[in-house]
C-alpha cells in the first residue's frame, strides 16, 4: 500500500485560508457586538430605575403593634410584610388596607 499523501492543490489551500480568515473576522465582530449589547443594556438599566423611595408615601398606616419588615410597590398598590407574619396589601397612598394575607409556616 502506498502511504504517501496526495499533493494538495494550491488554489484549495488559498480558499481554505480565506475561509478561516473570514470565519475568524466574523467571530471577532460577533463577539464585539455581543459585548457592546451587554454594555448598552446593563448601563441603561441603572438609568431606568428610580430611587428606592420614589413613589412611596411618607407615612403608611399600619394597625397598632404591627412593624413593617419589607415593603414593595406594585401598580396601584403597596404590599407591607409585617414581623408578625402578615402581608398587607394597601392602596397606593398607604392609608387603606385592601387585603390582608396571613403567612403560615409549614409543619416539618
PDB file of N, CA and C in Angstrom:
ATOM      1  N   UNK A   1       0.823  -1.170   0.000  1.00  0.00           N
ATOM      2  CA  UNK A   1       0.000   0.000   0.000  1.00  0.00           C
ATOM      3  C   UNK A   1       0.877   1.246   0.000  1.00  0.00           C
ATOM      4  N   UNK A   2       0.395   2.259  -0.658  1.00  0.00           N
ATOM      5  CA  UNK A   2       1.162   3.495  -0.769  1.00  0.00           C
ATOM      6  C   UNK A   2       0.678   4.488   0.280  1.00  0.00           C
ATOM      7  N   UNK A   3       1.569   4.866   1.241  1.00  0.00           N
ATOM      8  CA  UNK A   3       1.206   5.776   2.326  1.00  0.00           C
ATOM      9  C   UNK A   3       1.605   7.221   2.041  1.00  0.00           C
ATOM     10  N   UNK A   4       2.066   7.503   0.875  1.00  0.00           N
ATOM     11  CA  UNK A   4       2.466   8.871   0.585  1.00  0.00           C
ATOM     12  C   UNK A   4       1.212   9.722   0.368  1.00  0.00           C
ATOM     13  N   UNK A   5       1.182  10.922   0.982  1.00  0.00           N
ATOM     14  CA  UNK A   5      -0.006  11.782   0.822  1.00  0.00           C
ATOM     15  C   UNK A   5      -0.095  12.344  -0.591  1.00  0.00           C
ATOM     16  N   UNK A   6      -1.316  12.583  -0.995  1.00  0.00           N
ATOM     17  CA  UNK A   6      -1.545  13.162  -2.324  1.00  0.00           C
ATOM     18  C   UNK A   6      -1.241  14.657  -2.269  1.00  0.00           C
ATOM     19  N   UNK A   7      -0.714  15.226  -3.290  1.00  0.00           N
ATOM     20  CA  UNK A   7      -0.435  16.667  -3.290  1.00  0.00           C
ATOM     21  C   UNK A   7      -1.744  17.468  -3.236  1.00  0.00           C
ATOM     22  N   UNK A   8      -1.690  18.580  -2.508  1.00  0.00           N
ATOM     23  CA  UNK A   8      -2.870  19.430  -2.359  1.00  0.00           C
ATOM     24  C   UNK A   8      -2.759  20.585  -3.335  1.00  0.00           C
ATOM     25  N   UNK A   9      -3.874  20.880  -3.934  1.00  0.00           N
ATOM     26  CA  UNK A   9      -3.921  21.956  -4.917  1.00  0.00           C
ATOM     27  C   UNK A   9      -3.717  23.298  -4.214  1.00  0.00           C
ATOM     28  N   UNK A  10      -2.804  24.153  -4.679  1.00  0.00           N
ATOM     29  CA  UNK A  10      -2.582  25.457  -4.038  1.00  0.00           C
ATOM     30  C   UNK A  10      -3.843  26.336  -4.024  1.00  0.00           C
ATOM     31  N   UNK A  11      -4.706  26.220  -5.007  1.00  0.00           N
ATOM     32  CA  UNK A  11      -5.945  27.004  -5.037  1.00  0.00           C
ATOM     33  C   UNK A  11      -6.858  26.589  -3.879  1.00  0.00           C
ATOM     34  N   UNK A  12      -6.875  25.302  -3.569  1.00  0.00           N
ATOM     35  CA  UNK A  12      -7.686  24.812  -2.446  1.00  0.00           C
ATOM     36  C   UNK A  12      -7.148  25.346  -1.130  1.00  0.00           C
ATOM     37  N   UNK A  13      -5.830  25.385  -0.978  1.00  0.00           N
ATOM     38  CA  UNK A  13      -5.230  25.925   0.238  1.00  0.00           C
ATOM     39  C   UNK A  13      -5.548  27.413   0.398  1.00  0.00           C
ATOM     40  N   UNK A  14      -5.502  28.171  -0.680  1.00  0.00           N
ATOM     41  CA  UNK A  14      -5.833  29.585  -0.613  1.00  0.00           C
ATOM     42  C   UNK A  14      -7.300  29.766  -0.212  1.00  0.00           C
ATOM     43  N   UNK A  15      -8.160  28.933  -0.779  1.00  0.00           N
ATOM     44  CA  UNK A  15      -9.590  29.003  -0.453  1.00  0.00           C
ATOM     45  C   UNK A  15      -9.825  28.683   1.019  1.00  0.00           C
ATOM     46  N   UNK A  16      -9.185  27.646   1.530  1.00  0.00           N
ATOM     47  CA  UNK A  16      -9.330  27.288   2.938  1.00  0.00           C
ATOM     48  C   UNK A  16      -8.777  28.385   3.840  1.00  0.00           C
ATOM     49  N   UNK A  17      -7.651  28.986   3.473  1.00  0.00           N
ATOM     50  CA  UNK A  17      -7.080  30.078   4.255  1.00  0.00           C
ATOM     51  C   UNK A  17      -8.041  31.265   4.282  1.00  0.00           C
ATOM     52  N   UNK A  18      -8.671  31.566   3.155  1.00  0.00           N
ATOM     53  CA  UNK A  18      -9.644  32.644   3.089  1.00  0.00           C
ATOM     54  C   UNK A  18     -10.857  32.338   3.974  1.00  0.00           C
ATOM     55  N   UNK A  19     -11.349  31.119   3.940  1.00  0.00           N
ATOM     56  CA  UNK A  19     -12.492  30.730   4.768  1.00  0.00           C
ATOM     57  C   UNK A  19     -12.174  30.859   6.263  1.00  0.00           C
ATOM     58  N   UNK A  20     -11.003  30.415   6.658  1.00  0.00           N
ATOM     59  CA  UNK A  20     -10.606  30.514   8.068  1.00  0.00           C
ATOM     60  C   UNK A  20     -10.470  31.972   8.477  1.00  0.00           C
ATOM     61  N   UNK A  21      -9.898  32.798   7.627  1.00  0.00           N
ATOM     62  CA  UNK A  21      -9.753  34.220   7.938  1.00  0.00           C
ATOM     63  C   UNK A  21     -11.120  34.894   8.068  1.00  0.00           C
ATOM     64  N   UNK A  22     -12.013  34.615   7.138  1.00  0.00           N
ATOM     65  CA  UNK A  22     -13.356  35.203   7.189  1.00  0.00           C
ATOM     66  C   UNK A  22     -14.094  34.736   8.447  1.00  0.00           C
ATOM     67  N   UNK A  23     -14.000  33.472   8.776  1.00  0.00           N
ATOM     68  CA  UNK A  23     -14.658  32.951   9.976  1.00  0.00           C
ATOM     69  C   UNK A  23     -14.091  33.610  11.233  1.00  0.00           C
ATOM     70  N   UNK A  24     -12.791  33.819  11.281  1.00  0.00           N
ATOM     71  CA  UNK A  24     -12.170  34.485  12.424  1.00  0.00           C
ATOM     72  C   UNK A  24     -12.667  35.919  12.563  1.00  0.00           C
ATOM     73  N   UNK A  25     -12.720  36.637  11.455  1.00  0.00           N
ATOM     74  CA  UNK A  25     -13.187  38.021  11.480  1.00  0.00           C
ATOM     75  C   UNK A  25     -14.651  38.085  11.916  1.00  0.00           C
ATOM     76  N   UNK A  26     -15.493  37.214  11.381  1.00  0.00           N
ATOM     77  CA  UNK A  26     -16.917  37.197  11.738  1.00  0.00           C
ATOM     78  C   UNK A  26     -17.087  36.866  13.224  1.00  0.00           C
ATOM     79  N   UNK A  27     -16.311  35.943  13.735  1.00  0.00           N
ATOM     80  CA  UNK A  27     -16.391  35.585  15.155  1.00  0.00           C
ATOM     81  C   UNK A  27     -15.990  36.759  16.038  1.00  0.00           C
ATOM     82  N   UNK A  28     -14.909  37.437  15.683  1.00  0.00           N
ATOM     83  CA  UNK A  28     -14.459  38.578  16.481  1.00  0.00           C
ATOM     84  C   UNK A  28     -15.489  39.702  16.439  1.00  0.00           C
ATOM     85  N   UNK A  29     -16.024  40.009  15.269  1.00  0.00           N
ATOM     86  CA  UNK A  29     -17.041  41.060  15.150  1.00  0.00           C
ATOM     87  C   UNK A  29     -18.291  40.682  15.938  1.00  0.00           C
ATOM     88  N   UNK A  30     -18.722  39.437  15.846  1.00  0.00           N
ATOM     89  CA  UNK A  30     -19.892  38.988  16.600  1.00  0.00           C
ATOM     90  C   UNK A  30     -19.680  39.098  18.097  1.00  0.00           C
ATOM     91  N   UNK A  31     -18.510  38.734  18.569  1.00  0.00           N
ATOM     92  CA  UNK A  31     -18.196  38.843  19.998  1.00  0.00           C
ATOM     93  C   UNK A  31     -18.196  40.299  20.437  1.00  0.00           C
ATOM     94  N   UNK A  32     -17.648  41.185  19.628  1.00  0.00           N
ATOM     95  CA  UNK A  32     -17.651  42.614  19.961  1.00  0.00           C
ATOM     96  C   UNK A  32     -19.076  43.172  19.987  1.00  0.00           C
ATOM     97  N   UNK A  33     -19.929  42.724  19.079  1.00  0.00           N
ATOM     98  CA  UNK A  33     -21.325  43.169  19.071  1.00  0.00           C
ATOM     99  C   UNK A  33     -22.034  42.697  20.331  1.00  0.00           C
ATOM    100  N   UNK A  34     -21.834  41.451  20.722  1.00  0.00           N
ATOM    101  CA  UNK A  34     -22.468  40.922  21.937  1.00  0.00           C
ATOM    102  C   UNK A  34     -21.989  41.688  23.167  1.00  0.00           C
ATOM    103  N   UNK A  35     -20.705  41.959  23.260  1.00  0.00           N
ATOM    104  CA  UNK A  35     -20.179  42.724  24.398  1.00  0.00           C
ATOM    105  C   UNK A  35     -20.768  44.129  24.403  1.00  0.00           C
ATOM    106  N   UNK A  36     -20.864  44.760  23.238  1.00  0.00           N
ATOM    107  CA  UNK A  36     -21.443  46.104  23.157  1.00  0.00           C
ATOM    108  C   UNK A  36     -22.907  46.090  23.582  1.00  0.00           C
ATOM    109  N   UNK A  37     -23.655  45.067  23.177  1.00  0.00           N
ATOM    110  CA  UNK A  37     -25.065  44.971  23.576  1.00  0.00           C
ATOM    111  C   UNK A  37     -25.197  44.786  25.084  1.00  0.00           C
ATOM    112  N   UNK A  38     -24.343  43.974  25.682  1.00  0.00           N
ATOM    113  CA  UNK A  38     -24.363  43.814  27.139  1.00  0.00           C
ATOM    114  C   UNK A  38     -24.077  45.136  27.832  1.00  0.00           C
ATOM    115  N   UNK A  39     -23.074  45.852  27.360  1.00  0.00           N
ATOM    116  CA  UNK A  39     -22.718  47.128  27.987  1.00  0.00           C
ATOM    117  C   UNK A  39     -23.860  48.123  27.852  1.00  0.00           C
ATOM    118  N   UNK A  40     -24.455  48.215  26.678  1.00  0.00           N
ATOM    119  CA  UNK A  40     -25.559  49.146  26.466  1.00  0.00           C
ATOM    120  C   UNK A  40     -26.752  48.759  27.335  1.00  0.00           C
ATOM    121  N   UNK A  41     -27.070  47.485  27.377  1.00  0.00           N
ATOM    122  CA  UNK A  41     -28.236  47.030  28.141  1.00  0.00           C
ATOM    123  C   UNK A  41     -28.044  47.256  29.637  1.00  0.00           C
ATOM    124  N   UNK A  42     -26.899  46.887  30.169  1.00  0.00           N
ATOM    125  CA  UNK A  42     -26.696  46.995  31.612  1.00  0.00           C
ATOM    126  C   UNK A  42     -26.459  48.436  32.045  1.00  0.00           C
ATOM    127  N   UNK A  43     -25.891  49.265  31.193  1.00  0.00           N
ATOM    128  CA  UNK A  43     -25.707  50.663  31.576  1.00  0.00           C
ATOM    129  C   UNK A  43     -27.027  51.414  31.539  1.00  0.00           C
ATOM    130  N   UNK A  44     -27.941  51.030  30.658  1.00  0.00           N
ATOM    131  CA  UNK A  44     -29.237  51.714  30.597  1.00  0.00           C
ATOM    132  C   UNK A  44     -30.175  51.234  31.691  1.00  0.00           C
ATOM    133  N   UNK A  45     -29.935  50.078  32.262  1.00  0.00           N
ATOM    134  CA  UNK A  45     -30.809  49.573  33.328  1.00  0.00           C
ATOM    135  C   UNK A  45     -30.742  50.475  34.553  1.00  0.00           C
ATOM    136  N   UNK A  46     -29.592  50.987  34.877  1.00  0.00           N
ATOM    137  CA  UNK A  46     -29.456  51.851  36.038  1.00  0.00           C
ATOM    138  C   UNK A  46     -30.165  53.181  35.848  1.00  0.00           C
ATOM    139  N   UNK A  47     -30.240  53.667  34.620  1.00  0.00           N
ATOM    140  CA  UNK A  47     -30.895  54.940  34.347  1.00  0.00           C
ATOM    141  C   UNK A  47     -32.406  54.811  34.418  1.00  0.00           C
ATOM    142  N   UNK A  48     -32.953  53.640  34.075  1.00  0.00           N
ATOM    143  CA  UNK A  48     -34.396  53.455  34.053  1.00  0.00           C
ATOM    144  C   UNK A  48     -34.985  53.323  35.447  1.00  0.00           C
ATOM    145  N   UNK A  49     -34.199  52.921  36.388  1.00  0.00           N
ATOM    146  CA  UNK A  49     -34.708  52.679  37.731  1.00  0.00           C
ATOM    147  C   UNK A  49     -34.733  53.974  38.531  1.00  0.00           C
ATOM    148  N   UNK A  50     -35.823  54.147  39.249  1.00  0.00           N
ATOM    149  CA  UNK A  50     -35.927  55.304  40.127  1.00  0.00           C
ATOM    150  C   UNK A  50     -35.308  54.944  41.472  1.00  0.00           C
ATOM    151  N   UNK A  51     -35.140  55.948  42.300  1.00  0.00           N
ATOM    152  CA  UNK A  51     -34.622  55.703  43.645  1.00  0.00           C
ATOM    153  C   UNK A  51     -35.591  54.803  44.392  1.00  0.00           C
ATOM    154  N   UNK A  52     -35.110  53.954  45.314  1.00  0.00           N
ATOM    155  CA  UNK A  52     -36.000  53.026  46.002  1.00  0.00           C
ATOM    156  C   UNK A  52     -37.165  53.698  46.719  1.00  0.00           C
ATOM    157  N   UNK A  53     -36.951  54.895  47.233  1.00  0.00           N
ATOM    158  CA  UNK A  53     -38.023  55.545  47.973  1.00  0.00           C
ATOM    159  C   UNK A  53     -38.974  56.325  47.061  1.00  0.00           C
ATOM    160  N   UNK A  54     -38.680  56.418  45.786  1.00  0.00           N
ATOM    161  CA  UNK A  54     -39.533  57.169  44.875  1.00  0.00           C
ATOM    162  C   UNK A  54     -40.875  56.467  44.719  1.00  0.00           C
ATOM    163  N   UNK A  55     -41.940  57.213  44.871  1.00  0.00           N
ATOM    164  CA  UNK A  55     -43.277  56.655  44.698  1.00  0.00           C
ATOM    165  C   UNK A  55     -43.884  56.097  45.960  1.00  0.00           C
ATOM    166  N   UNK A  56     -43.138  55.995  47.038  1.00  0.00           N
ATOM    167  CA  UNK A  56     -43.690  55.510  48.304  1.00  0.00           C
ATOM    168  C   UNK A  56     -44.231  56.695  49.097  1.00  0.00           C
ATOM    169  N   UNK A  57     -45.358  56.500  49.783  1.00  0.00           N
ATOM    170  CA  UNK A  57     -45.875  57.582  50.622  1.00  0.00           C
ATOM    171  C   UNK A  57     -44.972  57.806  51.830  1.00  0.00           C
ATOM    172  N   UNK A  58     -45.045  59.014  52.388  1.00  0.00           N
ATOM    173  CA  UNK A  58     -44.215  59.353  53.545  1.00  0.00           C
ATOM    174  C   UNK A  58     -44.633  58.546  54.775  1.00  0.00           C
ATOM    175  N   UNK A  59     -45.921  58.276  54.923  1.00  0.00           N
ATOM    176  CA  UNK A  59     -46.436  57.515  56.070  1.00  0.00           C
ATOM    177  C   UNK A  59     -47.316  56.382  55.563  1.00  0.00           C
ATOM    178  N   UNK A  60     -47.190  55.227  56.192  1.00  0.00           N
ATOM    179  CA  UNK A  60     -48.057  54.090  55.888  1.00  0.00           C
ATOM    180  C   UNK A  60     -48.807  53.748  57.169  1.00  0.00           C
ATOM    181  N   UNK A  61     -50.124  53.668  57.063  1.00  0.00           N
ATOM    182  CA  UNK A  61     -50.964  53.430  58.230  1.00  0.00           C
ATOM    183  C   UNK A  61     -51.059  51.930  58.502  1.00  0.00           C
ATOM    184  N   UNK A  62     -50.268  51.447  59.462  1.00  0.00           N
ATOM    185  CA  UNK A  62     -50.318  50.045  59.869  1.00  0.00           C
ATOM    186  C   UNK A  62     -51.175  49.928  61.122  1.00  0.00           C
ATOM    187  N   UNK A  63     -51.799  48.771  61.334  1.00  0.00           N
ATOM    188  CA  UNK A  63     -52.556  48.569  62.563  1.00  0.00           C
ATOM    189  C   UNK A  63     -51.639  48.673  63.785  1.00  0.00           C
ATOM    190  N   UNK A  64     -52.225  48.924  64.925  1.00  0.00           N
ATOM    191  CA  UNK A  64     -51.485  49.079  66.177  1.00  0.00           C
ATOM    192  C   UNK A  64     -50.650  47.835  66.459  1.00  0.00           C
ATOM    193  N   UNK A  65     -49.385  48.028  66.762  1.00  0.00           N
ATOM    194  CA  UNK A  65     -48.488  46.937  67.132  1.00  0.00           C
ATOM    195  C   UNK A  65     -47.791  46.261  65.963  1.00  0.00           C
ATOM    196  N   UNK A  66     -48.170  46.578  64.740  1.00  0.00           N
ATOM    197  CA  UNK A  66     -47.530  45.967  63.566  1.00  0.00           C
ATOM    198  C   UNK A  66     -46.253  46.727  63.226  1.00  0.00           C
ATOM    199  N   UNK A  67     -45.211  45.975  62.890  1.00  0.00           N
ATOM    200  CA  UNK A  67     -43.929  46.561  62.484  1.00  0.00           C
ATOM    201  C   UNK A  67     -43.605  46.045  61.091  1.00  0.00           C
ATOM    202  N   UNK A  68     -43.316  46.963  60.178  1.00  0.00           N
ATOM    203  CA  UNK A  68     -43.020  46.573  58.797  1.00  0.00           C
ATOM    204  C   UNK A  68     -41.646  45.912  58.713  1.00  0.00           C
ATOM    205  N   UNK A  69     -41.606  44.833  57.994  1.00  0.00           N
ATOM    206  CA  UNK A  69     -40.351  44.126  57.783  1.00  0.00           C
ATOM    207  C   UNK A  69     -39.863  44.314  56.345  1.00  0.00           C
ATOM    208  N   UNK A  70     -40.812  44.436  55.394  1.00  0.00           N
ATOM    209  CA  UNK A  70     -40.465  44.678  53.996  1.00  0.00           C
ATOM    210  C   UNK A  70     -41.632  45.397  53.330  1.00  0.00           C
ATOM    211  N   UNK A  71     -41.310  46.223  52.357  1.00  0.00           N
ATOM    212  CA  UNK A  71     -42.328  46.973  51.632  1.00  0.00           C
ATOM    213  C   UNK A  71     -41.999  46.885  50.147  1.00  0.00           C
ATOM    214  N   UNK A  72     -43.025  46.667  49.339  1.00  0.00           N
ATOM    215  CA  UNK A  72     -42.838  46.679  47.895  1.00  0.00           C
ATOM    216  C   UNK A  72     -44.002  47.415  47.268  1.00  0.00           C
ATOM    217  N   UNK A  73     -43.764  47.963  46.079  1.00  0.00           N
ATOM    218  CA  UNK A  73     -44.788  48.754  45.413  1.00  0.00           C
ATOM    219  C   UNK A  73     -45.145  48.099  44.096  1.00  0.00           C
ATOM    220  N   UNK A  74     -46.442  47.960  43.882  1.00  0.00           N
ATOM    221  CA  UNK A  74     -46.944  47.453  42.611  1.00  0.00           C
ATOM    222  C   UNK A  74     -47.666  48.570  41.880  1.00  0.00           C
ATOM    223  N   UNK A  75     -48.358  48.224  40.829  1.00  0.00           N
ATOM    224  CA  UNK A  75     -49.094  49.207  40.045  1.00  0.00           C
ATOM    225  C   UNK A  75     -50.422  49.511  40.735  1.00  0.00           C
ATOM    226  N   UNK A  76     -50.457  50.570  41.520  1.00  0.00           N
ATOM    227  CA  UNK A  76     -51.677  50.973  42.207  1.00  0.00           C
ATOM    228  C   UNK A  76     -51.830  50.389  43.599  1.00  0.00           C
ATOM    229  N   UNK A  77     -50.813  49.717  44.120  1.00  0.00           N
ATOM    230  CA  UNK A  77     -50.888  49.141  45.465  1.00  0.00           C
ATOM    231  C   UNK A  77     -49.512  49.065  46.089  1.00  0.00           C
ATOM    232  N   UNK A  78     -49.517  48.884  47.410  1.00  0.00           N
ATOM    233  CA  UNK A  78     -48.292  48.711  48.182  1.00  0.00           C
ATOM    234  C   UNK A  78     -48.480  47.467  49.039  1.00  0.00           C
ATOM    235  N   UNK A  79     -47.478  46.600  49.082  1.00  0.00           N
ATOM    236  CA  UNK A  79     -47.524  45.412  49.943  1.00  0.00           C
ATOM    237  C   UNK A  79     -46.556  45.622  51.096  1.00  0.00           C
ATOM    238  N   UNK A  80     -47.055  45.387  52.317  1.00  0.00           N
ATOM    239  CA  UNK A  80     -46.238  45.528  53.514  1.00  0.00           C
ATOM    240  C   UNK A  80     -46.195  44.170  54.199  1.00  0.00           C
ATOM    241  N   UNK A  81     -44.997  43.641  54.382  1.00  0.00           N
ATOM    242  CA  UNK A  81     -44.812  42.397  55.121  1.00  0.00           C
ATOM    243  C   UNK A  81     -44.471  42.792  56.547  1.00  0.00           C
ATOM    244  N   UNK A  82     -45.233  42.264  57.500  1.00  0.00           N
ATOM    245  CA  UNK A  82     -45.007  42.638  58.897  1.00  0.00           C
ATOM    246  C   UNK A  82     -44.210  41.560  59.609  1.00  0.00           C
ATOM    247  N   UNK A  83     -43.634  41.929  60.744  1.00  0.00           N
ATOM    248  CA  UNK A  83     -42.856  40.975  61.534  1.00  0.00           C
ATOM    249  C   UNK A  83     -43.747  39.898  62.147  1.00  0.00           C
ATOM    250  N   UNK A  84     -45.042  40.170  62.262  1.00  0.00           N
ATOM    251  CA  UNK A  84     -45.983  39.199  62.801  1.00  0.00           C
ATOM    252  C   UNK A  84     -46.362  38.132  61.778  1.00  0.00           C
ATOM    253  N   UNK A  85     -45.871  38.251  60.567  1.00  0.00           N
ATOM    254  CA  UNK A  85     -46.130  37.238  59.554  1.00  0.00           C
ATOM    255  C   UNK A  85     -47.382  37.499  58.749  1.00  0.00           C
ATOM    256  N   UNK A  86     -47.697  38.745  58.492  1.00  0.00           N
ATOM    257  CA  UNK A  86     -48.850  39.079  57.673  1.00  0.00           C
ATOM    258  C   UNK A  86     -48.373  39.914  56.491  1.00  0.00           C
ATOM    259  N   UNK A  87     -49.067  39.759  55.387  1.00  0.00           N
ATOM    260  CA  UNK A  87     -48.829  40.602  54.221  1.00  0.00           C
ATOM    261  C   UNK A  87     -50.069  41.467  54.063  1.00  0.00           C
ATOM    262  N   UNK A  88     -49.857  42.763  54.095  1.00  0.00           N
ATOM    263  CA  UNK A  88     -50.967  43.693  53.980  1.00  0.00           C
ATOM    264  C   UNK A  88     -50.870  44.409  52.644  1.00  0.00           C
ATOM    265  N   UNK A  89     -51.894  44.246  51.810  1.00  0.00           N
ATOM    266  CA  UNK A  89     -51.967  44.933  50.533  1.00  0.00           C
ATOM    267  C   UNK A  89     -52.745  46.221  50.782  1.00  0.00           C
ATOM    268  N   UNK A  90     -52.099  47.345  50.486  1.00  0.00           N
ATOM    269  CA  UNK A  90     -52.697  48.644  50.770  1.00  0.00           C
ATOM    270  C   UNK A  90     -52.817  49.446  49.485  1.00  0.00           C
ATOM    271  N   UNK A  91     -53.686  50.465  49.518  1.00  0.00           N
ATOM    272  CA  UNK A  91     -53.792  51.336  48.354  1.00  0.00           C
ATOM    273  C   UNK A  91     -52.489  52.111  48.186  1.00  0.00           C
ATOM    274  N   UNK A  92     -52.362  52.800  47.079  1.00  0.00           N
ATOM    275  CA  UNK A  92     -51.079  53.457  46.786  1.00  0.00           C
ATOM    276  C   UNK A  92     -50.766  54.625  47.713  1.00  0.00           C
ATOM    277  N   UNK A  93     -51.748  55.081  48.495  1.00  0.00           N
ATOM    278  CA  UNK A  93     -51.461  56.140  49.467  1.00  0.00           C
ATOM    279  C   UNK A  93     -50.936  55.564  50.775  1.00  0.00           C
ATOM    280  N   UNK A  94     -51.131  54.257  50.986  1.00  0.00           N
ATOM    281  CA  UNK A  94     -50.674  53.611  52.208  1.00  0.00           C
ATOM    282  C   UNK A  94     -51.577  53.844  53.404  1.00  0.00           C
ATOM    283  N   UNK A  95     -52.791  54.304  53.169  1.00  0.00           N
ATOM    284  CA  UNK A  95     -53.707  54.621  54.264  1.00  0.00           C
ATOM    285  C   UNK A  95     -54.851  53.624  54.404  1.00  0.00           C
ATOM    286  N   UNK A  96     -55.167  52.872  53.362  1.00  0.00           N
ATOM    287  CA  UNK A  96     -56.309  51.953  53.400  1.00  0.00           C
ATOM    288  C   UNK A  96     -55.843  50.537  53.067  1.00  0.00           C
ATOM    289  N   UNK A  97     -56.207  49.587  53.926  1.00  0.00           N
ATOM    290  CA  UNK A  97     -55.863  48.185  53.698  1.00  0.00           C
ATOM    291  C   UNK A  97     -56.871  47.577  52.729  1.00  0.00           C
ATOM    292  N   UNK A  98     -56.393  47.030  51.625  1.00  0.00           N
ATOM    293  CA  UNK A  98     -57.254  46.408  50.635  1.00  0.00           C
ATOM    294  C   UNK A  98     -57.416  44.910  50.884  1.00  0.00           C
ATOM    295  N   UNK A  99     -56.340  44.276  51.350  1.00  0.00           N
ATOM    296  CA  UNK A  99     -56.352  42.828  51.577  1.00  0.00           C
ATOM    297  C   UNK A  99     -55.296  42.497  52.607  1.00  0.00           C
ATOM    298  N   UNK A 100     -55.563  41.470  53.386  1.00  0.00           N
ATOM    299  CA  UNK A 100     -54.599  41.032  54.389  1.00  0.00           C
ATOM    300  C   UNK A 100     -54.419  39.524  54.225  1.00  0.00           C
ATOM    301  N   UNK A 101     -53.169  39.085  54.183  1.00  0.00           N
ATOM    302  CA  UNK A 101     -52.859  37.665  53.999  1.00  0.00           C
ATOM    303  C   UNK A 101     -52.041  37.192  55.175  1.00  0.00           C
ATOM    304  N   UNK A 102     -52.483  36.117  55.805  1.00  0.00           N
ATOM    305  CA  UNK A 102     -51.763  35.526  56.933  1.00  0.00           C
ATOM    306  C   UNK A 102     -50.758  34.527  56.376  1.00  0.00           C
ATOM    307  N   UNK A 103     -49.519  34.670  56.760  1.00  0.00           N
ATOM    308  CA  UNK A 103     -48.462  33.765  56.298  1.00  0.00           C
ATOM    309  C   UNK A 103     -48.255  32.704  57.363  1.00  0.00           C
ATOM    310  N   UNK A 104     -48.411  31.452  56.990  1.00  0.00           N
ATOM    311  CA  UNK A 104     -48.227  30.366  57.935  1.00  0.00           C
ATOM    312  C   UNK A 104     -46.986  29.564  57.550  1.00  0.00           C
ATOM    313  N   UNK A 105     -46.285  29.093  58.556  1.00  0.00           N
ATOM    314  CA  UNK A 105     -45.099  28.273  58.334  1.00  0.00           C
ATOM    315  C   UNK A 105     -45.519  26.816  58.168  1.00  0.00           C
ATOM    316  N   UNK A 106     -44.957  26.101  57.221  1.00  0.00           N
ATOM    317  CA  UNK A 106     -45.308  24.696  57.039  1.00  0.00           C
ATOM    318  C   UNK A 106     -44.764  23.865  58.214  1.00  0.00           C
ATOM    319  N   UNK A 107     -45.510  22.851  58.581  1.00  0.00           N
ATOM    320  CA  UNK A 107     -45.062  21.938  59.622  1.00  0.00           C
ATOM    321  C   UNK A 107     -44.037  20.982  59.051  1.00  0.00           C
ATOM    322  N   UNK A 108     -42.916  20.850  59.732  1.00  0.00           N
ATOM    323  CA  UNK A 108     -41.850  19.944  59.255  1.00  0.00           C
ATOM    324  C   UNK A 108     -41.922  18.627  59.949  1.00  0.00           C
TER     325      UNK A 108
END
